[in-house]
Protein backbone atom coordinates (compact mmCIF):
# COMPACT_ATOMS: atom_id res chain seq x y z
CA MET A 1 26.66 -14.59 -5.34
CA SER A 2 26.84 -13.56 -1.68
CA GLN A 3 28.86 -11.14 0.40
CA ASN A 4 31.35 -13.98 0.99
CA GLN A 5 31.48 -15.67 -2.38
CA THR A 6 30.66 -14.73 -5.96
CA PRO A 7 30.10 -17.58 -8.45
CA PRO A 8 32.02 -17.22 -11.72
CA VAL A 9 30.09 -15.46 -14.48
CA PRO A 10 31.08 -15.37 -18.16
CA SER A 11 32.08 -11.84 -19.09
CA GLU A 12 29.29 -11.54 -21.67
CA TRP A 13 26.72 -12.18 -18.94
CA LEU A 14 27.98 -9.71 -16.38
CA THR A 15 25.33 -7.15 -15.50
CA ASP A 16 26.17 -3.48 -15.98
CA ALA A 17 26.49 -3.13 -12.20
CA GLU A 18 29.01 -5.99 -12.08
CA LYS A 19 30.95 -4.71 -15.09
CA THR A 20 31.47 -1.35 -13.39
CA ASP A 21 32.28 -2.85 -9.97
CA TYR A 22 28.88 -1.59 -8.77
CA ARG A 23 29.56 2.03 -9.64
CA GLU A 24 26.71 2.21 -12.18
CA THR A 25 23.24 0.88 -12.86
CA PRO A 26 21.96 0.47 -16.43
CA ARG A 27 19.49 2.80 -18.10
CA TYR A 28 16.07 1.60 -19.31
CA ASP A 29 17.17 0.54 -22.83
CA ALA A 30 20.17 -1.41 -21.53
CA THR A 31 18.02 -3.12 -18.91
CA ILE A 32 15.47 -4.16 -21.52
CA ALA A 33 18.25 -5.40 -23.80
CA TYR A 34 19.69 -7.59 -21.03
CA ALA A 35 16.21 -8.92 -20.21
CA ARG A 36 15.61 -9.82 -23.86
CA ARG A 37 18.99 -11.59 -24.02
CA LEU A 38 17.94 -13.74 -21.06
CA ASP A 39 14.76 -14.65 -22.93
CA GLN A 40 16.65 -15.50 -26.12
CA ALA A 41 19.34 -17.54 -24.36
CA SER A 42 17.23 -19.69 -22.04
CA PRO A 43 13.93 -21.60 -22.23
CA LEU A 44 13.50 -20.79 -18.53
CA ILE A 45 12.96 -17.05 -19.15
CA LYS A 46 10.31 -15.15 -21.08
CA PHE A 47 10.29 -11.39 -21.55
CA GLN A 48 6.92 -9.65 -21.74
CA THR A 49 5.44 -6.23 -21.12
CA PHE A 50 2.34 -5.59 -19.02
CA GLY A 51 1.35 -2.02 -19.81
CA LYS A 52 2.50 1.48 -20.62
CA SER A 53 3.84 4.28 -18.44
CA GLY A 54 2.49 7.82 -18.49
CA GLU A 55 5.08 8.76 -21.13
CA GLY A 56 4.37 5.62 -23.15
CA ARG A 57 7.25 3.35 -22.13
CA ASP A 58 6.64 -0.38 -21.96
CA LEU A 59 6.48 -1.79 -18.44
CA PRO A 60 8.83 -4.82 -18.50
CA LEU A 61 8.16 -8.23 -16.99
CA LEU A 62 10.38 -11.31 -16.85
CA ILE A 63 8.78 -14.68 -16.18
CA ALA A 64 11.06 -17.47 -14.92
CA ALA A 65 9.62 -20.98 -14.96
CA GLU A 66 10.39 -24.64 -15.62
CA GLY A 67 8.21 -27.07 -17.51
CA GLU A 68 6.37 -24.54 -19.67
CA THR A 69 4.49 -23.11 -16.70
CA PHE A 70 4.48 -19.63 -18.17
CA THR A 71 0.78 -18.97 -17.67
CA PRO A 72 -1.25 -18.75 -14.46
CA GLU A 73 -3.30 -21.75 -15.52
CA ALA A 74 -0.24 -23.91 -16.17
CA ALA A 75 1.37 -22.82 -12.90
CA ARG A 76 -1.77 -23.74 -10.94
CA ARG A 77 -2.11 -27.10 -12.66
CA ALA A 78 1.48 -27.88 -11.71
CA GLY A 79 0.87 -26.87 -8.10
CA LYS A 80 3.50 -24.13 -8.25
CA ALA A 81 3.63 -21.05 -6.07
CA VAL A 82 3.78 -17.73 -7.94
CA VAL A 83 6.19 -15.12 -6.54
CA LEU A 84 6.10 -11.51 -7.78
CA ILE A 85 9.32 -9.54 -7.19
CA GLN A 86 9.26 -5.83 -7.93
CA ALA A 87 12.08 -3.31 -8.30
CA CYS A 88 12.34 0.41 -9.01
CA ILE A 89 8.90 1.46 -7.84
CA HIS A 90 11.08 4.29 -6.54
CA ALA A 91 13.38 4.45 -9.53
CA GLY A 92 16.23 6.10 -7.62
CA GLU A 93 16.46 2.89 -5.58
CA PRO A 94 17.71 0.39 -8.22
CA ASP A 95 19.17 -2.29 -5.94
CA GLY A 96 16.40 -4.79 -6.66
CA LYS A 97 16.75 -4.36 -10.41
CA ASP A 98 20.44 -5.27 -10.51
CA ALA A 99 20.02 -8.03 -7.92
CA GLY A 100 17.06 -9.58 -9.73
CA LEU A 101 18.74 -9.58 -13.14
CA ALA A 102 21.81 -11.30 -11.66
CA LEU A 103 19.67 -13.87 -9.86
CA LEU A 104 17.68 -14.77 -12.98
CA ARG A 105 20.94 -15.06 -14.90
CA ASP A 106 22.34 -17.42 -12.28
CA ILE A 107 19.17 -19.50 -12.42
CA ALA A 108 18.91 -19.68 -16.20
CA ILE A 109 22.39 -19.08 -17.68
CA THR A 110 25.21 -19.94 -15.27
CA LYS A 111 23.00 -22.52 -13.47
CA SER A 112 24.78 -21.66 -10.22
CA ARG A 113 21.40 -21.38 -8.46
CA PRO A 114 19.74 -24.61 -9.55
CA GLY A 115 16.36 -25.81 -8.36
CA LEU A 116 14.84 -22.44 -7.52
CA LEU A 117 12.13 -22.89 -10.14
CA LYS A 118 11.20 -26.47 -9.31
CA HIS A 119 8.08 -25.47 -7.38
CA VAL A 120 7.96 -21.76 -8.12
CA VAL A 121 7.16 -19.40 -10.98
CA VAL A 122 8.92 -16.04 -10.62
CA LEU A 123 7.48 -12.83 -12.01
CA PHE A 124 10.12 -10.08 -11.96
CA ILE A 125 9.45 -6.42 -12.71
CA PRO A 126 12.96 -4.94 -13.09
CA ILE A 127 11.71 -1.36 -13.56
CA TYR A 128 8.21 -0.49 -12.43
CA ASN A 129 8.54 3.32 -12.49
CA THR A 130 10.02 3.48 -15.99
CA ASP A 131 9.56 7.24 -16.52
CA GLY A 132 11.13 8.16 -13.19
CA HIS A 133 13.94 5.71 -13.99
CA GLU A 134 14.94 7.84 -16.97
CA ARG A 135 15.06 11.12 -15.05
CA VAL A 136 18.70 10.33 -14.34
CA SER A 137 21.01 12.43 -12.20
CA PRO A 138 23.77 11.96 -9.63
CA TYR A 139 21.75 14.33 -7.40
CA ASN A 140 18.40 12.54 -7.13
CA ARG A 141 19.10 10.82 -3.80
CA ILE A 142 21.03 13.07 -1.41
CA ASN A 143 20.99 10.40 1.33
CA GLN A 144 22.17 7.54 -0.89
CA ASN A 145 25.70 6.18 -1.41
CA GLY A 146 25.64 5.14 -5.09
CA PRO A 147 25.27 4.22 -7.82
CA ALA A 148 26.88 7.16 -9.60
CA GLU A 149 23.58 8.16 -11.21
CA MET A 150 20.07 7.02 -10.48
CA GLY A 151 16.47 7.72 -11.40
CA TRP A 152 13.82 9.80 -9.69
CA ARG A 153 11.41 8.81 -6.91
CA THR A 154 8.12 9.56 -8.67
CA THR A 155 6.59 9.22 -12.11
CA SER A 156 6.80 12.03 -14.65
CA SER A 157 3.41 13.27 -13.40
CA TYR A 158 4.86 13.43 -9.87
CA GLN A 159 2.90 10.45 -8.58
CA ASN A 160 4.55 8.22 -6.00
CA LEU A 161 3.53 4.76 -7.15
CA ASN A 162 4.01 3.45 -3.63
CA ARG A 163 1.16 5.65 -2.46
CA ASP A 164 -1.16 4.76 -5.35
CA TYR A 165 -2.29 1.20 -4.64
CA MET A 166 -5.75 2.12 -3.30
CA LYS A 167 -6.62 5.16 -5.41
CA ALA A 168 -5.05 3.73 -8.61
CA ASP A 169 -4.69 7.10 -10.32
CA THR A 170 -1.77 6.19 -12.59
CA PRO A 171 -1.59 4.06 -15.73
CA GLU A 172 1.24 2.14 -14.09
CA THR A 173 -0.93 1.13 -11.13
CA ARG A 174 -3.84 0.17 -13.36
CA ALA A 175 -1.46 -2.02 -15.40
CA TRP A 176 -0.02 -3.55 -12.22
CA LEU A 177 -3.51 -4.42 -10.99
CA THR A 178 -4.31 -6.07 -14.31
CA LEU A 179 -1.11 -8.11 -14.03
CA TRP A 180 -1.94 -9.10 -10.45
CA ASN A 181 -5.53 -10.04 -11.31
CA HIS A 182 -4.24 -12.20 -14.18
CA TRP A 183 -1.60 -14.09 -12.19
CA LYS A 184 -2.92 -13.80 -8.60
CA PRO A 185 0.56 -14.23 -7.06
CA ASP A 186 0.97 -16.10 -3.78
CA LEU A 187 3.87 -13.98 -2.49
CA PHE A 188 4.94 -10.40 -3.19
CA ILE A 189 8.38 -8.86 -2.51
CA ASP A 190 9.08 -5.14 -3.05
CA CYS A 191 12.69 -3.88 -3.21
CA HIS A 192 13.64 -0.47 -1.78
CA VAL A 193 16.47 1.57 -0.25
CA THR A 194 15.77 3.16 3.14
CA ASP A 195 16.61 6.55 4.61
CA GLY A 196 17.22 7.10 8.32
CA ALA A 197 20.08 6.78 10.79
CA ASP A 198 23.43 5.07 10.29
CA TYR A 199 24.02 1.54 11.59
CA GLN A 200 25.82 -1.71 10.71
CA TYR A 201 23.05 -3.44 8.73
CA ASN A 202 23.22 -3.50 4.94
CA ILE A 203 19.69 -4.89 4.57
CA THR A 204 16.45 -4.65 6.54
CA PHE A 205 13.03 -6.13 5.88
CA GLN A 206 9.45 -5.81 7.10
CA HIS A 207 5.93 -7.14 6.71
CA GLU A 208 2.67 -6.01 8.27
CA HIS A 209 1.89 -7.84 11.52
CA HIS A 210 -1.25 -6.23 12.96
CA GLU A 211 -4.76 -7.69 13.22
CA GLY A 212 -5.55 -6.76 9.63
CA VAL A 213 -3.28 -9.52 8.30
CA ALA A 214 -4.93 -12.93 7.93
CA PRO A 215 -3.62 -15.14 10.77
CA SER A 216 -2.53 -17.95 8.44
CA VAL A 217 -0.58 -15.51 6.27
CA LEU A 218 1.08 -13.81 9.24
CA THR A 219 2.09 -17.13 10.78
CA TRP A 220 3.68 -18.17 7.49
CA GLU A 221 5.57 -14.86 7.14
CA LYS A 222 6.97 -15.07 10.65
CA ARG A 223 8.09 -18.68 10.25
CA VAL A 224 9.62 -18.29 6.80
CA PHE A 225 11.01 -14.74 6.72
CA ASP A 226 11.55 -13.70 10.33
CA GLU A 227 13.29 -16.97 11.12
CA ARG A 228 14.65 -18.74 8.05
CA VAL A 229 15.22 -16.19 5.27
CA ALA A 230 16.68 -13.56 7.59
CA ALA A 231 19.03 -16.09 9.20
CA ALA A 232 20.20 -17.51 5.87
CA THR A 233 20.80 -14.03 4.47
CA GLU A 234 22.88 -13.16 7.53
CA ALA A 235 24.85 -16.41 7.26
CA ALA A 236 25.75 -15.51 3.67
CA GLY A 237 27.75 -12.52 4.94
CA ASN A 238 25.14 -9.81 5.35
CA VAL A 239 24.07 -7.88 8.43
CA VAL A 240 20.28 -8.15 8.61
CA SER A 241 17.64 -6.45 10.72
CA TRP A 242 13.94 -5.82 10.93
CA TYR A 243 13.10 -2.45 9.33
CA LEU A 244 14.27 0.41 11.55
CA GLU A 245 12.55 3.75 12.11
CA PHE A 246 14.16 5.62 14.99
CA ILE A 247 12.18 7.82 17.33
CA ASP A 248 15.12 10.25 17.26
CA ASN A 249 18.17 9.55 15.10
CA ARG A 250 20.18 11.95 17.28
CA ASP A 251 19.58 9.68 20.28
CA LEU A 252 19.20 6.05 19.27
CA THR A 253 18.65 4.97 22.87
CA LYS A 254 15.09 6.36 22.68
CA GLY A 255 14.30 3.35 20.57
CA ILE A 256 12.65 2.16 17.39
CA ARG A 257 9.10 2.81 16.27
CA ASP A 258 7.71 0.02 14.08
CA PHE A 259 6.17 0.89 10.73
CA ASN A 260 2.52 0.37 9.88
CA GLY A 261 2.21 0.46 6.11
CA SER A 262 -1.38 1.35 5.33
CA PRO A 263 -2.86 -0.04 2.09
CA ARG A 264 -1.60 2.88 0.00
CA PHE A 265 1.78 1.06 0.20
CA SER A 266 2.43 -2.10 -1.80
CA THR A 267 3.15 -4.27 1.23
CA GLY A 268 0.11 -2.89 3.04
CA TYR A 269 -2.10 -3.49 0.01
CA THR A 270 -1.28 -7.15 -0.72
CA PRO A 271 -2.37 -8.38 2.74
CA LEU A 272 -5.86 -7.07 1.90
CA ARG A 273 -5.76 -9.63 -0.91
CA ASN A 274 -4.70 -12.31 1.62
CA ARG A 275 -1.16 -12.48 0.27
CA PRO A 276 2.17 -11.98 2.08
CA GLY A 277 3.83 -8.69 1.24
CA ILE A 278 7.52 -8.46 2.08
CA LEU A 279 9.42 -5.16 2.11
CA ILE A 280 13.18 -5.11 1.49
CA GLU A 281 14.98 -1.91 2.52
CA THR A 282 18.73 -1.84 1.97
CA HIS A 283 20.70 0.78 3.89
CA MET A 284 21.30 3.89 1.81
CA LEU A 285 24.65 4.76 3.41
CA LYS A 286 26.22 1.42 2.50
CA PRO A 287 28.05 1.19 -0.85
CA TYR A 288 26.08 -0.13 -3.79
CA ARG A 289 27.82 -3.53 -3.86
CA PRO A 290 26.73 -4.82 -0.42
CA ARG A 291 23.25 -3.40 -1.00
CA VAL A 292 22.75 -5.20 -4.31
CA ILE A 293 24.34 -8.44 -3.12
CA GLY A 294 22.32 -8.31 0.10
CA THR A 295 19.14 -8.01 -1.95
CA TYR A 296 20.30 -10.89 -4.17
CA ASP A 297 20.87 -13.08 -1.13
CA PHE A 298 17.54 -12.24 0.47
CA LEU A 299 15.68 -12.98 -2.77
CA ARG A 300 17.44 -16.28 -3.43
CA PHE A 301 16.83 -17.53 0.11
CA ALA A 302 13.19 -16.48 -0.16
CA LEU A 303 12.88 -18.59 -3.33
CA GLU A 304 14.74 -21.46 -1.68
CA GLU A 305 12.28 -21.48 1.22
CA VAL A 306 9.21 -21.36 -1.01
CA ASN A 307 10.66 -24.14 -3.19
CA ARG A 308 11.42 -26.23 -0.14
CA ASP A 309 7.80 -26.15 1.02
CA PRO A 310 5.45 -24.50 -1.48
CA GLN A 311 2.42 -26.20 0.02
CA SER A 312 2.68 -24.29 3.28
CA LEU A 313 2.44 -20.99 1.39
CA LEU A 314 -0.39 -22.22 -0.82
CA ALA A 315 -2.24 -23.55 2.22
CA ALA A 316 -1.80 -20.27 4.12
CA VAL A 317 -3.27 -18.12 1.36
CA ARG A 318 -6.02 -20.66 0.64
CA GLU A 319 -7.04 -20.66 4.31
CA ALA A 320 -7.14 -16.84 4.29
CA ASP A 321 -9.27 -16.79 1.14
CA GLU A 322 -11.70 -19.36 2.52
CA LYS A 323 -12.03 -17.44 5.81
CA THR A 324 -12.77 -14.22 3.90
CA LEU A 325 -15.42 -15.97 1.82
CA ALA A 326 -17.04 -17.52 4.88
CA ASP A 327 -17.07 -14.23 6.81
CA GLY A 328 -18.72 -12.48 3.88
CA ARG A 329 -21.67 -14.86 3.78
CA THR A 330 -23.12 -13.80 7.13
CA TYR A 331 -23.71 -10.52 8.91
CA ASP A 332 -22.68 -10.46 12.55
CA PRO A 333 -23.04 -7.09 14.32
CA ALA A 334 -20.67 -8.32 17.04
CA ARG A 335 -17.85 -9.15 14.61
CA ARG A 336 -15.41 -6.25 14.39
CA PHE A 337 -13.24 -5.94 11.31
CA PRO A 338 -10.13 -3.81 12.02
CA LEU A 339 -9.55 -0.77 9.84
CA ASP A 340 -6.79 1.26 11.46
CA TYR A 341 -4.08 0.83 14.07
CA GLU A 342 -1.63 2.63 16.30
CA LEU A 343 1.39 1.59 18.31
CA THR A 344 0.88 0.88 21.99
CA GLU A 345 3.27 1.89 24.75
CA LYS A 346 4.47 -1.71 24.99
CA ALA A 347 8.14 -2.20 24.06
CA THR A 348 10.51 -5.13 23.83
CA PRO A 349 14.31 -4.96 24.13
CA TYR A 350 16.08 -4.90 20.77
CA LYS A 351 19.78 -5.56 20.29
CA LEU A 352 20.80 -2.81 17.88
CA ARG A 353 24.01 -3.07 15.90
CA ALA A 354 24.69 0.64 15.60
CA VAL A 355 27.81 2.70 14.94
CA GLU A 356 29.34 5.22 17.30
CA TYR A 357 27.77 8.66 17.15
CA HIS A 358 27.64 11.92 19.04
CA THR A 359 25.65 15.13 18.88
CA GLU A 360 26.90 18.68 18.79
CA MET A 361 25.30 22.06 18.34
CA SER A 362 25.24 23.12 14.70
CA ASP A 363 26.38 26.62 13.82
CA ILE A 364 24.50 26.21 10.52
CA SER A 365 21.01 25.18 11.64
CA GLY A 366 21.23 26.30 15.25
CA ALA A 367 19.96 22.88 16.36
CA PRO A 368 21.71 19.79 17.69
CA ARG A 369 23.13 17.66 14.85
CA VAL A 370 24.11 14.02 14.86
CA VAL A 371 27.56 12.93 13.68
CA PHE A 372 28.02 9.22 12.95
CA GLY A 373 31.35 7.49 13.11
CA THR A 374 32.47 4.09 11.81
CA LYS A 375 33.24 2.07 14.94
CA PRO A 376 30.60 -0.57 15.76
CA LEU A 377 28.43 0.14 18.78
CA ASP A 378 26.09 -2.47 20.20
CA LEU A 379 23.08 -1.10 22.09
CA THR A 380 19.93 -2.51 23.63
CA VAL A 381 17.05 -0.17 22.87
CA PRO A 382 13.25 -0.37 23.16
CA MET A 383 11.39 -1.61 20.08
CA TYR A 384 7.79 -0.41 19.94
CA ASN A 385 6.15 -2.99 17.70
CA ASP A 386 2.79 -3.77 19.30
CA PHE A 387 -0.29 -2.43 17.50
CA ARG A 388 -3.82 -1.88 18.76
CA VAL A 389 -6.93 -1.33 16.67
CA THR A 390 -8.20 2.26 16.61
CA ALA A 391 -11.10 1.86 14.18
CA ALA A 392 -13.21 -1.21 13.40
CA VAL A 393 -16.54 -1.98 11.81
CA ALA A 394 -19.08 -4.79 11.53
CA PRO A 395 -18.92 -5.58 7.80
CA PRO A 396 -22.22 -5.67 5.89
CA LEU A 397 -23.20 -8.34 3.41
CA TYR A 398 -23.06 -5.89 0.49
CA TYR A 399 -22.15 -2.34 -0.39
CA ILE A 400 -24.17 -0.49 -3.01
CA VAL A 401 -22.69 2.39 -5.03
CA PRO A 402 -24.89 4.69 -7.15
CA PRO A 403 -23.91 4.49 -10.84
CA GLN A 404 -22.95 8.17 -11.19
CA TRP A 405 -19.79 7.67 -9.10
CA HIS A 406 -17.80 6.59 -12.14
CA GLU A 407 -14.30 7.09 -10.68
CA VAL A 408 -15.16 5.00 -7.65
CA ILE A 409 -16.56 2.20 -9.79
CA ALA A 410 -13.50 2.35 -12.06
CA VAL A 411 -11.22 1.70 -9.07
CA LEU A 412 -13.37 -1.22 -7.91
CA ARG A 413 -13.19 -2.73 -11.38
CA SER A 414 -9.43 -2.19 -11.63
CA ASP A 415 -8.98 -4.09 -8.40
CA GLY A 416 -10.75 -7.09 -9.89
CA LEU A 417 -13.58 -7.14 -7.36
CA THR A 418 -16.64 -9.21 -8.18
CA LEU A 419 -19.34 -6.62 -8.92
CA LEU A 420 -23.04 -6.90 -9.57
CA THR A 421 -25.33 -4.29 -11.09
CA THR A 422 -29.01 -3.69 -10.38
CA ARG A 423 -31.42 -4.30 -13.26
CA GLU A 424 -33.96 -1.74 -12.05
CA ALA A 425 -34.37 1.06 -9.54
CA ALA A 426 -34.66 -0.27 -5.98
CA THR A 427 -35.66 1.22 -2.64
CA LEU A 428 -33.61 -0.45 0.08
CA GLU A 429 -33.02 -0.33 3.82
CA VAL A 430 -29.37 0.70 4.16
CA GLU A 431 -26.89 1.75 6.76
CA SER A 432 -24.59 4.61 5.91
CA TYR A 433 -22.83 7.60 7.44
CA ARG A 434 -23.09 11.34 7.76
CA PHE A 435 -19.78 13.20 7.86
CA VAL A 436 -19.26 15.72 10.63
CA ASP A 437 -16.36 17.90 11.75
CA VAL A 438 -15.02 17.91 8.20
CA LYS A 439 -11.60 19.52 7.84
CA TRP A 440 -9.36 20.02 4.84
CA ALA A 441 -5.64 19.61 4.43
CA SER A 442 -3.69 22.79 3.75
CA GLY A 443 -2.39 21.39 0.46
CA PRO A 444 -2.59 18.37 -1.86
CA PHE A 445 -1.04 14.98 -1.19
CA GLU A 446 -0.26 12.80 -4.19
CA GLY A 447 -2.34 15.13 -6.32
CA ARG A 448 -5.46 14.83 -4.14
CA LEU A 449 -7.02 17.01 -1.46
CA MET A 450 -7.71 14.64 1.42
CA PRO A 451 -10.44 15.46 3.95
CA SER A 452 -10.50 14.41 7.57
CA PHE A 453 -13.82 13.84 9.28
CA LYS A 454 -15.84 11.98 11.85
CA VAL A 455 -18.85 9.85 11.02
CA GLU A 456 -22.31 9.44 12.49
CA PRO A 457 -24.33 6.31 11.62
CA VAL A 458 -27.37 6.65 9.39
CA HIS A 459 -30.18 4.09 8.95
CA GLU A 460 -32.71 4.92 6.23
CA ARG A 461 -34.54 3.82 3.12
CA ARG A 462 -32.88 5.00 -0.08
CA THR A 463 -33.77 4.58 -3.71
CA TYR A 464 -30.86 3.51 -5.88
CA PRO A 465 -31.12 3.87 -9.68
CA ALA A 466 -30.92 0.98 -12.09
CA GLY A 467 -27.28 0.25 -12.87
CA SER A 468 -26.12 0.79 -9.29
CA ILE A 469 -23.10 -1.32 -8.35
CA VAL A 470 -23.46 -3.98 -5.67
CA VAL A 471 -20.28 -5.26 -4.02
CA PRO A 472 -20.80 -8.61 -2.24
CA LEU A 473 -18.38 -9.36 0.58
CA ALA A 474 -18.63 -13.11 0.02
CA GLN A 475 -15.61 -12.99 -2.29
CA GLN A 476 -11.86 -13.44 -1.91
CA LEU A 477 -11.33 -9.67 -2.12
CA GLY A 478 -13.87 -8.87 0.59
CA ARG A 479 -11.20 -7.40 2.89
CA LEU A 480 -10.10 -5.05 0.11
CA ALA A 481 -13.70 -3.94 -0.54
CA ILE A 482 -14.14 -3.05 3.14
CA ASN A 483 -10.98 -0.95 3.17
CA LEU A 484 -12.00 0.89 0.00
CA LEU A 485 -15.60 1.61 0.98
CA GLU A 486 -15.60 2.07 4.77
CA PRO A 487 -14.87 5.80 5.18
CA GLN A 488 -12.90 5.38 8.41
CA ALA A 489 -10.29 3.14 6.78
CA PRO A 490 -7.09 5.21 6.36
CA ASP A 491 -6.94 4.74 2.59
CA SER A 492 -10.65 4.61 1.85
CA LEU A 493 -11.86 6.24 -1.32
CA VAL A 494 -13.51 8.88 0.85
CA HIS A 495 -10.17 9.76 2.46
CA TRP A 496 -8.57 9.90 -1.00
CA GLY A 497 -11.06 12.54 -2.13
CA PHE A 498 -13.29 10.52 -4.46
CA PHE A 499 -16.41 11.93 -2.74
CA ASN A 500 -15.23 15.49 -2.09
CA ALA A 501 -18.15 17.05 -3.96
CA THR A 502 -20.55 15.73 -1.31
CA PHE A 503 -18.91 18.06 1.24
CA GLU A 504 -19.81 21.18 -0.75
CA GLN A 505 -22.84 23.36 -0.11
CA LYS A 506 -24.59 23.89 -3.46
CA GLU A 507 -27.50 26.18 -2.52
CA TYR A 508 -27.60 29.15 -0.16
CA GLY A 509 -30.01 31.72 1.22
CA GLU A 510 -29.73 35.48 0.92
CA ASN A 511 -29.45 37.15 4.31
CA TYR A 512 -32.68 39.11 3.94
CA VAL A 513 -34.54 35.89 3.11
CA LEU A 514 -32.99 34.05 6.05
CA GLU A 515 -33.88 36.94 8.38
CA LYS A 516 -37.56 36.41 7.55
CA LEU A 517 -37.24 32.62 7.82
CA ALA A 518 -35.53 32.89 11.24
CA ARG A 519 -38.29 35.05 12.70
CA GLU A 520 -40.95 32.64 11.49
CA MET A 521 -39.10 29.64 12.95
CA LEU A 522 -38.54 31.37 16.31
CA ALA A 523 -42.17 32.34 16.54
CA SER A 524 -43.44 28.83 15.82
CA ASP A 525 -40.95 26.70 17.76
CA PRO A 526 -40.21 27.50 21.44
CA ARG A 527 -37.66 24.66 21.70
CA LEU A 528 -35.73 26.09 18.75
CA ARG A 529 -35.78 29.54 20.42
CA GLU A 530 -34.36 27.99 23.58
CA GLU A 531 -31.60 26.22 21.61
CA TYR A 532 -30.74 29.43 19.74
CA GLU A 533 -30.57 31.60 22.85
CA LYS A 534 -28.45 29.02 24.66
CA LYS A 535 -25.96 28.92 21.77
CA LEU A 536 -25.83 32.74 21.68
CA ALA A 537 -24.94 32.82 25.36
CA SER A 538 -22.35 30.02 25.27
CA ASP A 539 -20.57 30.47 21.93
CA ARG A 540 -18.87 33.84 21.48
CA LYS A 541 -17.68 33.07 17.98
CA PHE A 542 -21.20 32.15 16.94
CA ALA A 543 -22.69 35.23 18.58
CA ALA A 544 -20.20 37.49 16.78
CA SER A 545 -20.97 36.07 13.30
CA PRO A 546 -24.18 37.35 11.65
CA ARG A 547 -23.80 34.78 8.89
CA GLU A 548 -23.45 31.82 11.28
CA ARG A 549 -26.46 33.00 13.25
CA LEU A 550 -28.57 32.96 10.11
CA GLN A 551 -27.08 29.64 8.98
CA PHE A 552 -28.28 28.17 12.28
CA PHE A 553 -31.84 28.53 11.03
CA TYR A 554 -31.11 27.59 7.42
CA ARG A 555 -29.59 24.25 8.50
CA ARG A 556 -32.69 23.44 10.54
CA SER A 557 -35.15 24.43 7.84
CA PRO A 558 -36.73 22.25 5.12
CA TYR A 559 -34.62 24.14 2.58
CA TRP A 560 -31.33 22.68 3.79
CA ASP A 561 -29.71 20.03 1.54
CA ARG A 562 -30.03 16.81 3.56
CA GLN A 563 -27.67 14.99 1.21
CA MET A 564 -24.76 17.30 1.90
CA ASN A 565 -22.13 15.41 3.95
CA LEU A 566 -24.12 12.20 3.45
CA TYR A 567 -22.15 9.17 2.28
CA GLN A 568 -23.65 7.98 -0.98
CA VAL A 569 -22.58 4.35 -0.56
CA GLY A 570 -25.01 2.13 1.32
CA ARG A 571 -24.33 -0.85 3.58
CA ILE A 572 -26.81 -3.70 3.16
CA ILE A 573 -27.00 -6.12 6.09
CA THR A 574 -29.89 -8.31 4.91
CA SER A 575 -30.49 -10.41 1.81
CA LEU A 576 -30.33 -8.32 -1.34
CA GLY A 577 -33.85 -8.88 -2.59
CA VAL A 578 -33.42 -7.02 -5.90
CA PRO A 579 -32.65 -8.39 -9.37
CA VAL A 580 -28.97 -8.06 -10.28
CA LYS A 581 -26.57 -9.28 -12.94
CA GLN A 582 -22.82 -9.78 -13.03
CA LEU A 583 -20.84 -6.74 -14.14
CA HIS A 584 -18.19 -7.72 -16.67
């Protein structure tokens, strides 16, 4: 199958999309039935499930393999690369589901795509968001041109699974992490449909390319996907581009702003595990046929490339793992591990295959509106795709988490991190942080209230109870541990609200008590009196607030809670020196 040529398929093996000339996509039960038929008809396909959704639906998985390499152990013994392809994380975007089912059929049934499993094991999730998939309506995707009906973006508990990879709130994410930890795939591909402006491309793709991606992995992605897979997909009759986010879709000449997918996104998360993460985004305004077939072509050429040279992929991820292990064995205060990024002002010319458009004043909204035509328009526009690091840290040798932070520890365990636990209480020299300038969002995001803050470094001795969790960075998932436990990382567990209680004041002083305390402190401390009088003279808001004036003294008194706004996780930069055992 390609945009130019479709191999013959027996009528009984046509997918529902093909049977309806790409007007429809199958529901959950029909998809599962087709997947089971593939299993029953071919020794190359096995159907399994890997967990349950919030509403109790099975999460389906198809494994495609030759030579009985249907387990991670067998795949590794055979030297095969493991590729995980995922569809319907946003269930209203079913292109990957219908493309993947057709591709597995052509591998296993029609045999029109031979050899794609010679050096590869394929794991295919046709429907990840199974509950959202069954909230079917023709009105779920206002920007999307087909199919006739489609599922909903989020789960039934209104969680966007493609924002859940770090916080792991949903049963679907926890199941996905278990699947990943079992198989440890070498390559991940996530299938989506994009929103945005109109243009000629039917398919776009992206992968992270900032300093947070292991160099060996990034080099492999650029060589294989940016050059070979994209070119082959285009040669098959598609129009292919890097993922496009326009600065202003009413004026395309302003250029394209590249996308930085933080680890809350699937393809931002997998690089933290030293694995390539490839995003496919078909163009929502194109009909369903060229979107599905474009996805099919991109996937088959990706498999062809991995099959052609699996060792280069395996070597790239092995090098990244070994570098992570080596870095975690020593503490170097000069080594800076990047946590967050922003685009620079640097731009490169990009040849954009657009369509004609104009703007006019809208009598509905009262603002300029864009009107796209159909005639091709070739433009050269600036592409802003250069990232600089905005936050970095010298990683410790270990993190230590007090045992009462159960939700935090549950996430660390779900991720498959190697964890140790202390056998007895221990007083340790640790680095940590105090949060300052704490602000709160005006509403929830993905069900969580996310704080913003700045941090001040803290160096102190702390006593940690027996059963505290120690996270060594000398492990393959060291990069993931840093991003979870360093507060400044954009998707740290602090940013996701796992430590919100530490920002709350739990004790207070009555005004008449604080009045007495303030007079005693002023009388005994001339430097405090000077500081107070200076603040009165310089800060009108402070001077006008009786409560803030009294709080000034409370915060500087021995009664103030010194653990408020103090990060409970410690950074250990020397040898551990306490008895620990492996946490299973």
